Amino acid sequence: MMKTLHTMALSLGFGLLMAQQLQAQEQNCAPRPAVLAKLTDQFGETRQSIGLAAQGSVVEVFASADTGSWTIIVTLPNGMSCLIAAGQSFETLAELLPAGGKDV
């Protein structure tokens, strides 16, 4: 389940990035150090997962165990990080795959 959720998040993030790349760069993007500082200082979020997307982009999920807030960002090869999604009620799951290794 976790693998599927991460794959879905990565796919969603990349799709949204490509569809709105120009608009997002103007509205929801900033240099990576500034984005990380805001996520850490303002929201208390730390990186929970990371993955590679197409064309050298990096997709990351940040979350706070204290507040439950979460943020998904994509960092482009040029060092700009763009907000893809954010919300509340983040939970870390440790689910086992069903017998046979098929994710349901």
C-alpha atoms as a PDB file:
ATOM      1  CA  MET A   1       0.000   0.000   0.000  1.00  0.00           C
ATOM      2  CA  MET A   2       2.773   2.434   0.902  1.00  0.00           C
ATOM      3  CA  LYS A   3       4.563   1.707  -2.365  1.00  0.00           C
ATOM      4  CA  THR A   4       1.366   2.389  -4.278  1.00  0.00           C
ATOM      5  CA  LEU A   5       0.697   5.602  -2.347  1.00  0.00           C
ATOM      6  CA  HIS A   6       4.204   6.873  -2.981  1.00  0.00           C
ATOM      7  CA  THR A   7       3.978   5.946  -6.672  1.00  0.00           C
ATOM      8  CA  MET A   8       0.650   7.726  -6.931  1.00  0.00           C
ATOM      9  CA  ALA A   9       2.034  10.793  -5.180  1.00  0.00           C
ATOM     10  CA  LEU A  10       5.043  10.854  -7.487  1.00  0.00           C
ATOM     11  CA  SER A  11       2.866  10.444 -10.576  1.00  0.00           C
ATOM     12  CA  LEU A  12       0.444  13.109  -9.421  1.00  0.00           C
ATOM     13  CA  GLY A  13       3.253  15.466  -8.575  1.00  0.00           C
ATOM     14  CA  PHE A  14       4.936  15.044 -11.932  1.00  0.00           C
ATOM     15  CA  GLY A  15       1.673  15.389 -13.836  1.00  0.00           C
ATOM     16  CA  LEU A  16       0.725  18.561 -12.023  1.00  0.00           C
ATOM     17  CA  LEU A  17       4.221  19.915 -12.454  1.00  0.00           C
ATOM     18  CA  MET A  18       4.238  19.395 -16.190  1.00  0.00           C
ATOM     19  CA  ALA A  19       0.697  20.717 -16.670  1.00  0.00           C
ATOM     20  CA  GLN A  20       1.285  23.921 -14.726  1.00  0.00           C
ATOM     21  CA  GLN A  21       5.054  24.329 -14.780  1.00  0.00           C
ATOM     22  CA  LEU A  22       5.137  27.932 -15.963  1.00  0.00           C
ATOM     23  CA  GLN A  23       2.330  29.082 -13.711  1.00  0.00           C
ATOM     24  CA  ALA A  24       3.710  27.197 -10.704  1.00  0.00           C
ATOM     25  CA  GLN A  25       7.174  28.650 -11.129  1.00  0.00           C
ATOM     26  CA  GLU A  26       5.721  32.128 -10.766  1.00  0.00           C
ATOM     27  CA  GLN A  27       3.314  31.393  -7.908  1.00  0.00           C
ATOM     28  CA  ASN A  28       4.373  28.365  -5.853  1.00  0.00           C
ATOM     29  CA  CYS A  29       8.111  27.990  -6.402  1.00  0.00           C
ATOM     30  CA  ALA A  30      11.217  29.293  -4.678  1.00  0.00           C
ATOM     31  CA  PRO A  31      14.855  28.273  -4.305  1.00  0.00           C
ATOM     32  CA  ARG A  32      15.100  24.964  -2.420  1.00  0.00           C
ATOM     33  CA  PRO A  33      16.810  26.404   0.712  1.00  0.00           C
ATOM     34  CA  ALA A  34      13.986  28.930   1.158  1.00  0.00           C
ATOM     35  CA  VAL A  35      11.304  26.246   0.775  1.00  0.00           C
ATOM     36  CA  LEU A  36      13.023  23.928   3.267  1.00  0.00           C
ATOM     37  CA  ALA A  37      13.422  26.757   5.775  1.00  0.00           C
ATOM     38  CA  LYS A  38       9.721  27.582   5.562  1.00  0.00           C
ATOM     39  CA  LEU A  39       8.644  23.946   5.921  1.00  0.00           C
ATOM     40  CA  THR A  40      10.928  23.490   8.926  1.00  0.00           C
ATOM     41  CA  ASP A  41      10.536  26.827  10.696  1.00  0.00           C
ATOM     42  CA  GLN A  42       6.881  27.640  10.034  1.00  0.00           C
ATOM     43  CA  PHE A  43       5.339  24.158   9.894  1.00  0.00           C
ATOM     44  CA  GLY A  44       7.806  21.946  11.801  1.00  0.00           C
ATOM     45  CA  GLU A  45       7.858  19.481   8.899  1.00  0.00           C
ATOM     46  CA  THR A  46      10.677  17.064   8.106  1.00  0.00           C
ATOM     47  CA  ARG A  47      11.242  14.901   5.041  1.00  0.00           C
ATOM     48  CA  GLN A  48       9.331  11.613   5.203  1.00  0.00           C
ATOM     49  CA  SER A  49      10.010  10.215   1.734  1.00  0.00           C
ATOM     50  CA  ILE A  50      11.833  10.983  -1.494  1.00  0.00           C
ATOM     51  CA  GLY A  51      11.746   9.755  -5.076  1.00  0.00           C
ATOM     52  CA  LEU A  52      13.026  10.573  -8.531  1.00  0.00           C
ATOM     53  CA  ALA A  53      10.690  11.778 -11.258  1.00  0.00           C
ATOM     54  CA  ALA A  54      11.252  12.305 -14.964  1.00  0.00           C
ATOM     55  CA  GLN A  55      13.881  14.697 -16.265  1.00  0.00           C
ATOM     56  CA  GLY A  56      15.903  14.697 -13.049  1.00  0.00           C
ATOM     57  CA  SER A  57      13.213  16.150 -10.772  1.00  0.00           C
ATOM     58  CA  VAL A  58      13.041  15.077  -7.128  1.00  0.00           C
ATOM     59  CA  VAL A  59       9.674  14.579  -5.390  1.00  0.00           C
ATOM     60  CA  GLU A  60       9.596  14.793  -1.588  1.00  0.00           C
ATOM     61  CA  VAL A  61       6.952  14.452   1.089  1.00  0.00           C
ATOM     62  CA  PHE A  62       7.426  16.497   4.268  1.00  0.00           C
ATOM     63  CA  ALA A  63       5.258  16.147   7.379  1.00  0.00           C
ATOM     64  CA  SER A  64       5.007  17.075  11.034  1.00  0.00           C
ATOM     65  CA  ALA A  65       4.280  14.336  13.578  1.00  0.00           C
ATOM     66  CA  ASP A  66       3.178  17.035  16.047  1.00  0.00           C
ATOM     67  CA  THR A  67       0.636  18.904  13.912  1.00  0.00           C
ATOM     68  CA  GLY A  68      -0.161  16.366  11.176  1.00  0.00           C
ATOM     69  CA  SER A  69       0.521  18.901   8.424  1.00  0.00           C
ATOM     70  CA  TRP A  70       2.123  17.594   5.217  1.00  0.00           C
ATOM     71  CA  THR A  71       3.557  19.049   2.008  1.00  0.00           C
ATOM     72  CA  ILE A  72       4.613  17.528  -1.309  1.00  0.00           C
ATOM     73  CA  ILE A  73       7.254  19.413  -3.287  1.00  0.00           C
ATOM     74  CA  VAL A  74       9.077  18.855  -6.570  1.00  0.00           C
ATOM     75  CA  THR A  75      12.605  20.164  -6.944  1.00  0.00           C
ATOM     76  CA  LEU A  76      13.706  20.834 -10.511  1.00  0.00           C
ATOM     77  CA  PRO A  77      17.279  20.370 -11.729  1.00  0.00           C
ATOM     78  CA  ASN A  78      17.730  24.165 -11.631  1.00  0.00           C
ATOM     79  CA  GLY A  79      17.268  24.129  -7.816  1.00  0.00           C
ATOM     80  CA  MET A  80      13.771  25.580  -7.729  1.00  0.00           C
ATOM     81  CA  SER A  81      11.300  23.744  -5.472  1.00  0.00           C
ATOM     82  CA  CYS A  82       7.589  23.892  -6.274  1.00  0.00           C
ATOM     83  CA  LEU A  83       4.634  23.164  -4.010  1.00  0.00           C
ATOM     84  CA  ILE A  84       2.474  20.368  -5.415  1.00  0.00           C
ATOM     85  CA  ALA A  85       0.051  19.707  -2.548  1.00  0.00           C
ATOM     86  CA  ALA A  86      -0.361  20.292   1.179  1.00  0.00           C
ATOM     87  CA  GLY A  87      -2.818  19.232   3.848  1.00  0.00           C
ATOM     88  CA  GLN A  88      -3.505  17.893   7.314  1.00  0.00           C
ATOM     89  CA  SER A  89      -3.865  14.559   9.147  1.00  0.00           C
ATOM     90  CA  PHE A  90      -0.627  12.943   7.942  1.00  0.00           C
ATOM     91  CA  GLU A  91      -0.083   9.416   9.237  1.00  0.00           C
ATOM     92  CA  THR A  92       2.875   7.099   8.811  1.00  0.00           C
ATOM     93  CA  LEU A  93       1.737   3.613   7.886  1.00  0.00           C
ATOM     94  CA  ALA A  94       3.603   0.322   8.014  1.00  0.00           C
ATOM     95  CA  GLU A  95       1.314  -2.012   6.130  1.00  0.00           C
ATOM     96  CA  LEU A  96       2.303  -5.432   4.867  1.00  0.00           C
ATOM     97  CA  LEU A  97       1.579  -6.557   1.328  1.00  0.00           C
ATOM     98  CA  PRO A  98      -1.125  -9.183   0.945  1.00  0.00           C
ATOM     99  CA  ALA A  99      -0.038 -12.771   0.351  1.00  0.00           C
ATOM    100  CA  GLY A 100       1.371 -13.198  -3.128  1.00  0.00           C
ATOM    101  CA  GLY A 101       2.959  -9.759  -3.148  1.00  0.00           C
ATOM    102  CA  LYS A 102       0.045  -8.030  -4.882  1.00  0.00           C
ATOM    103  CA  ASP A 103      -0.801  -4.555  -3.644  1.00  0.00           C
ATOM    104  CA  VAL A 104      -4.545  -4.105  -3.127  1.00  0.00           C
END
